[in-house]
Every structure is written in structure tokens, then in C-alpha cells.
Amino acid sequence: MSGTVLSTSGTLWTWTVQRVAPKSPPFVAPEGGFEPFAVGYVELPEGVRVMAVLDVPDLASLRIGMPLRIGVADGVPRASAVERTAGTASGGDHG
């Protein structure tokens, strides 16, 4: 069996926001209480879609096609927004 190295950036394919805390147990709320969070599929240039927690400062900023950088933290795929530079075209608002 051989592995394939995948890109660390892609675009948001789709997402949803978890606004209700999971049942407890097994869920243990963090010290500050439950905060809504987003999960979505990030499409990589290789055509692979990776499900990841979306680490964005504002859930309302999520848009299909937005560029994301993907990595792993505590064994969980996580994606964060890529800062756009001046003159870079922005993705459409499909969310």
C-alpha cells in the first residue's frame, strides 16, 4: 500500500453549523460553556474532499468556494481561512 501526499489548501465545498451542544455524556462542555462551531468539506486540488472543523472568527463569513488551509490538531482535521491579498479575486456568495 502506498500513500499520497495531499495539498494543505483547498476550497470550502459545503458546511453546516452545530448550534446545539451534543448529549452529555459523553460530551463534556468546555470551561466557558458550549460555543457553536462549523464543520464542512474542504475540496483539495487532487479532487479529495476532507471533512474538517472550520476555525473561522465569524461563522457568517463562511462561503462556498472560499479558500481554506487545512491541517490536523489533536487528531482532528481543522481548516482556517486563507487571508486574501489586495488584487485577489474573491469567491462568490453561495452560502
N, C-alpha and C. Protein backbone atom coordinates (compact mmCIF):
# COMPACT_ATOMS: atom_id res chain seq x y z
N MET A 1 0.84 -1.18 0.00
CA MET A 1 0.00 0.00 0.00
C MET A 1 0.89 1.25 0.00
N SER A 2 0.60 2.19 -0.89
CA SER A 2 1.39 3.41 -0.95
C SER A 2 0.52 4.60 -0.59
N GLY A 3 1.15 5.63 -0.03
CA GLY A 3 0.43 6.83 0.37
C GLY A 3 0.52 7.91 -0.69
N THR A 4 -0.33 8.89 -0.56
CA THR A 4 -0.32 10.03 -1.45
C THR A 4 -0.27 11.30 -0.61
N VAL A 5 0.63 12.18 -0.94
CA VAL A 5 0.72 13.46 -0.24
C VAL A 5 -0.35 14.38 -0.82
N LEU A 6 -1.17 14.94 0.07
CA LEU A 6 -2.24 15.83 -0.36
C LEU A 6 -1.88 17.29 -0.08
N SER A 7 -2.50 18.18 -0.80
CA SER A 7 -2.30 19.61 -0.60
C SER A 7 -2.79 20.02 0.79
N THR A 8 -2.27 21.14 1.28
CA THR A 8 -2.70 21.66 2.57
C THR A 8 -3.65 22.84 2.42
N SER A 9 -4.07 23.11 1.19
CA SER A 9 -5.06 24.17 0.98
C SER A 9 -6.07 23.71 -0.07
N GLY A 10 -7.27 24.26 0.07
CA GLY A 10 -8.34 23.91 -0.85
C GLY A 10 -9.45 24.94 -0.72
N THR A 11 -10.65 24.56 -1.14
CA THR A 11 -11.79 25.47 -1.08
C THR A 11 -12.95 24.80 -0.35
N LEU A 12 -13.76 25.63 0.29
CA LEU A 12 -14.91 25.12 1.03
C LEU A 12 -15.95 24.59 0.05
N TRP A 13 -16.30 23.33 0.19
CA TRP A 13 -17.26 22.68 -0.70
C TRP A 13 -18.68 22.82 -0.15
N THR A 14 -18.84 22.60 1.16
CA THR A 14 -20.11 22.82 1.85
C THR A 14 -19.85 22.83 3.34
N TRP A 15 -20.82 23.30 4.14
CA TRP A 15 -20.63 23.35 5.59
C TRP A 15 -21.98 23.37 6.30
N THR A 16 -21.92 23.15 7.61
CA THR A 16 -23.07 23.30 8.50
C THR A 16 -22.55 23.83 9.84
N VAL A 17 -23.45 24.43 10.60
CA VAL A 17 -23.09 24.96 11.92
C VAL A 17 -23.80 24.12 12.99
N GLN A 18 -23.03 23.64 13.95
CA GLN A 18 -23.55 22.90 15.10
C GLN A 18 -23.89 23.93 16.17
N ARG A 19 -25.19 24.19 16.37
CA ARG A 19 -25.61 25.23 17.31
C ARG A 19 -26.13 24.67 18.64
N VAL A 20 -26.26 23.34 18.73
CA VAL A 20 -26.78 22.70 19.93
C VAL A 20 -25.69 21.79 20.48
N ALA A 21 -25.46 21.86 21.78
CA ALA A 21 -24.43 21.01 22.41
C ALA A 21 -24.82 19.54 22.26
N PRO A 22 -23.85 18.68 21.99
CA PRO A 22 -24.12 17.24 21.95
C PRO A 22 -24.58 16.75 23.32
N LYS A 23 -25.21 15.56 23.34
CA LYS A 23 -25.67 14.98 24.61
C LYS A 23 -24.49 14.73 25.55
N SER A 24 -24.78 14.90 26.82
CA SER A 24 -23.77 14.67 27.84
C SER A 24 -24.29 13.62 28.80
N PRO A 25 -23.57 12.53 29.12
CA PRO A 25 -22.31 12.15 28.49
C PRO A 25 -22.55 11.61 27.09
N PRO A 26 -21.59 11.50 26.26
CA PRO A 26 -20.16 11.57 26.51
C PRO A 26 -19.59 12.98 26.40
N PHE A 27 -20.36 13.94 25.84
CA PHE A 27 -19.83 15.29 25.65
C PHE A 27 -19.59 15.97 27.00
N VAL A 28 -18.45 16.60 27.13
CA VAL A 28 -18.13 17.39 28.31
C VAL A 28 -17.89 18.82 27.83
N ALA A 29 -18.75 19.71 28.28
CA ALA A 29 -18.64 21.11 27.84
C ALA A 29 -17.34 21.73 28.34
N PRO A 30 -16.72 22.57 27.52
CA PRO A 30 -15.51 23.26 27.97
C PRO A 30 -15.85 24.22 29.11
N GLU A 31 -14.83 24.68 29.79
CA GLU A 31 -14.99 25.55 30.96
C GLU A 31 -15.89 26.76 30.68
N GLY A 32 -15.74 27.36 29.52
CA GLY A 32 -16.53 28.55 29.17
C GLY A 32 -17.92 28.23 28.64
N GLY A 33 -18.29 26.96 28.57
CA GLY A 33 -19.59 26.57 28.03
C GLY A 33 -19.51 26.25 26.54
N PHE A 34 -20.58 25.70 26.01
CA PHE A 34 -20.64 25.31 24.60
C PHE A 34 -20.70 26.54 23.71
N GLU A 35 -19.92 26.52 22.64
CA GLU A 35 -19.95 27.57 21.63
C GLU A 35 -20.28 26.91 20.29
N PRO A 36 -21.21 27.48 19.50
CA PRO A 36 -21.49 26.92 18.18
C PRO A 36 -20.20 26.85 17.35
N PHE A 37 -20.13 25.84 16.48
CA PHE A 37 -18.96 25.69 15.62
C PHE A 37 -19.40 25.14 14.28
N ALA A 38 -18.54 25.31 13.29
CA ALA A 38 -18.85 24.85 11.93
C ALA A 38 -17.98 23.66 11.57
N VAL A 39 -18.56 22.76 10.78
CA VAL A 39 -17.82 21.68 10.15
C VAL A 39 -18.17 21.70 8.68
N GLY A 40 -17.24 21.29 7.86
CA GLY A 40 -17.50 21.30 6.43
C GLY A 40 -16.54 20.43 5.67
N TYR A 41 -16.77 20.34 4.38
CA TYR A 41 -15.88 19.60 3.49
C TYR A 41 -14.99 20.59 2.75
N VAL A 42 -13.70 20.34 2.80
CA VAL A 42 -12.73 21.14 2.07
C VAL A 42 -12.28 20.33 0.86
N GLU A 43 -12.49 20.88 -0.33
CA GLU A 43 -12.09 20.18 -1.56
C GLU A 43 -10.66 20.56 -1.90
N LEU A 44 -9.81 19.55 -1.98
CA LEU A 44 -8.40 19.76 -2.32
C LEU A 44 -8.21 19.70 -3.82
N PRO A 45 -7.13 20.25 -4.36
CA PRO A 45 -6.89 20.22 -5.80
C PRO A 45 -6.85 18.81 -6.38
N GLU A 46 -6.54 17.82 -5.54
CA GLU A 46 -6.48 16.43 -6.00
C GLU A 46 -7.87 15.82 -6.19
N GLY A 47 -8.92 16.58 -5.86
CA GLY A 47 -10.29 16.08 -6.01
C GLY A 47 -10.82 15.39 -4.76
N VAL A 48 -10.02 15.33 -3.72
CA VAL A 48 -10.42 14.71 -2.45
C VAL A 48 -11.13 15.75 -1.61
N ARG A 49 -12.21 15.36 -0.94
CA ARG A 49 -12.91 16.25 0.00
C ARG A 49 -12.66 15.74 1.41
N VAL A 50 -12.16 16.62 2.26
CA VAL A 50 -11.82 16.28 3.63
C VAL A 50 -12.78 16.99 4.58
N MET A 51 -13.43 16.23 5.48
CA MET A 51 -14.29 16.85 6.47
C MET A 51 -13.43 17.43 7.58
N ALA A 52 -13.71 18.67 7.98
CA ALA A 52 -12.87 19.34 8.98
C ALA A 52 -13.70 20.30 9.82
N VAL A 53 -13.22 20.56 11.03
CA VAL A 53 -13.76 21.65 11.84
C VAL A 53 -13.27 22.94 11.18
N LEU A 54 -14.16 23.91 11.03
CA LEU A 54 -13.80 25.16 10.37
C LEU A 54 -13.52 26.23 11.42
N ASP A 55 -12.26 26.60 11.55
CA ASP A 55 -11.83 27.60 12.52
C ASP A 55 -11.85 28.98 11.88
N VAL A 56 -12.99 29.64 12.00
CA VAL A 56 -13.13 30.99 11.47
C VAL A 56 -13.64 31.91 12.58
N PRO A 57 -13.23 33.17 12.58
CA PRO A 57 -13.65 34.07 13.65
C PRO A 57 -15.14 34.41 13.60
N ASP A 58 -15.75 34.33 12.42
CA ASP A 58 -17.15 34.70 12.26
C ASP A 58 -17.84 33.65 11.40
N LEU A 59 -18.77 32.88 11.98
CA LEU A 59 -19.45 31.82 11.23
C LEU A 59 -20.21 32.37 10.02
N ALA A 60 -20.63 33.63 10.10
CA ALA A 60 -21.35 34.25 8.98
C ALA A 60 -20.45 34.52 7.79
N SER A 61 -19.13 34.42 7.98
CA SER A 61 -18.19 34.67 6.88
C SER A 61 -18.01 33.46 5.96
N LEU A 62 -18.53 32.31 6.35
CA LEU A 62 -18.34 31.09 5.54
C LEU A 62 -19.06 31.21 4.21
N ARG A 63 -18.36 30.85 3.14
CA ARG A 63 -18.90 30.90 1.79
C ARG A 63 -18.36 29.72 0.99
N ILE A 64 -19.23 29.08 0.23
CA ILE A 64 -18.79 28.01 -0.66
C ILE A 64 -17.75 28.60 -1.60
N GLY A 65 -16.66 27.86 -1.77
CA GLY A 65 -15.58 28.31 -2.66
C GLY A 65 -14.50 29.12 -1.97
N MET A 66 -14.71 29.49 -0.69
CA MET A 66 -13.69 30.30 -0.02
C MET A 66 -12.43 29.46 0.18
N PRO A 67 -11.26 30.08 0.06
CA PRO A 67 -10.01 29.34 0.23
C PRO A 67 -9.75 29.04 1.71
N LEU A 68 -9.30 27.81 1.96
CA LEU A 68 -9.00 27.37 3.32
C LEU A 68 -7.67 26.65 3.35
N ARG A 69 -7.02 26.73 4.48
CA ARG A 69 -5.78 25.98 4.73
C ARG A 69 -6.17 24.87 5.70
N ILE A 70 -5.75 23.66 5.44
CA ILE A 70 -6.16 22.52 6.26
C ILE A 70 -4.96 21.89 6.96
N GLY A 71 -5.18 21.45 8.18
CA GLY A 71 -4.15 20.79 8.97
C GLY A 71 -4.81 19.86 9.97
N VAL A 72 -4.04 19.38 10.93
CA VAL A 72 -4.56 18.46 11.94
C VAL A 72 -4.15 18.96 13.31
N ALA A 73 -5.10 18.98 14.25
CA ALA A 73 -4.81 19.34 15.64
C ALA A 73 -5.51 18.31 16.53
N ASP A 74 -4.76 17.70 17.43
CA ASP A 74 -5.30 16.66 18.32
C ASP A 74 -6.00 15.55 17.54
N GLY A 75 -5.46 15.21 16.36
CA GLY A 75 -6.00 14.12 15.56
C GLY A 75 -7.25 14.48 14.77
N VAL A 76 -7.66 15.75 14.80
CA VAL A 76 -8.88 16.19 14.12
C VAL A 76 -8.51 17.13 12.97
N PRO A 77 -9.00 16.87 11.75
CA PRO A 77 -8.75 17.82 10.66
C PRO A 77 -9.40 19.16 10.99
N ARG A 78 -8.65 20.24 10.79
CA ARG A 78 -9.13 21.60 11.06
C ARG A 78 -8.75 22.47 9.87
N ALA A 79 -9.63 23.39 9.50
CA ALA A 79 -9.36 24.28 8.37
C ALA A 79 -9.57 25.72 8.82
N SER A 80 -8.72 26.59 8.33
CA SER A 80 -8.83 28.02 8.65
C SER A 80 -8.81 28.83 7.37
N ALA A 81 -9.39 30.01 7.45
CA ALA A 81 -9.47 30.88 6.28
C ALA A 81 -8.10 31.34 5.86
N VAL A 82 -7.92 31.48 4.56
CA VAL A 82 -6.68 31.99 4.00
C VAL A 82 -6.88 33.47 3.77
N GLU A 83 -5.96 34.28 4.29
CA GLU A 83 -6.04 35.72 4.09
C GLU A 83 -5.84 36.03 2.62
N ARG A 84 -6.72 36.86 2.08
CA ARG A 84 -6.58 37.29 0.67
C ARG A 84 -5.72 38.54 0.63
N THR A 85 -4.94 38.66 -0.42
CA THR A 85 -4.13 39.87 -0.59
C THR A 85 -4.83 40.81 -1.56
N ALA A 86 -4.47 42.05 -1.54
CA ALA A 86 -5.08 43.04 -2.44
C ALA A 86 -4.92 42.59 -3.88
N GLY A 87 -5.98 42.74 -4.65
CA GLY A 87 -5.94 42.37 -6.05
C GLY A 87 -6.34 40.93 -6.31
N THR A 88 -6.61 40.15 -5.26
CA THR A 88 -7.02 38.77 -5.44
C THR A 88 -8.53 38.73 -5.58
N ALA A 89 -9.02 38.02 -6.57
CA ALA A 89 -10.46 37.91 -6.77
C ALA A 89 -11.08 37.15 -5.62
N SER A 90 -12.28 37.56 -5.22
CA SER A 90 -12.95 36.87 -4.12
C SER A 90 -13.93 35.85 -4.67
N GLY A 91 -14.22 34.84 -3.85
CA GLY A 91 -15.19 33.82 -4.24
C GLY A 91 -16.59 34.36 -4.16
N GLY A 92 -17.52 33.70 -4.84
CA GLY A 92 -18.90 34.13 -4.85
C GLY A 92 -19.59 33.79 -3.55
N ASP A 93 -20.73 34.42 -3.32
CA ASP A 93 -21.52 34.19 -2.12
C ASP A 93 -22.58 33.14 -2.44
N HIS A 94 -22.28 31.87 -2.11
CA HIS A 94 -23.19 30.78 -2.39
C HIS A 94 -23.78 30.18 -1.14
N GLY A 95 -23.39 30.68 0.06
CA GLY A 95 -23.70 30.07 1.33
C GLY A 95 -25.10 30.15 1.72
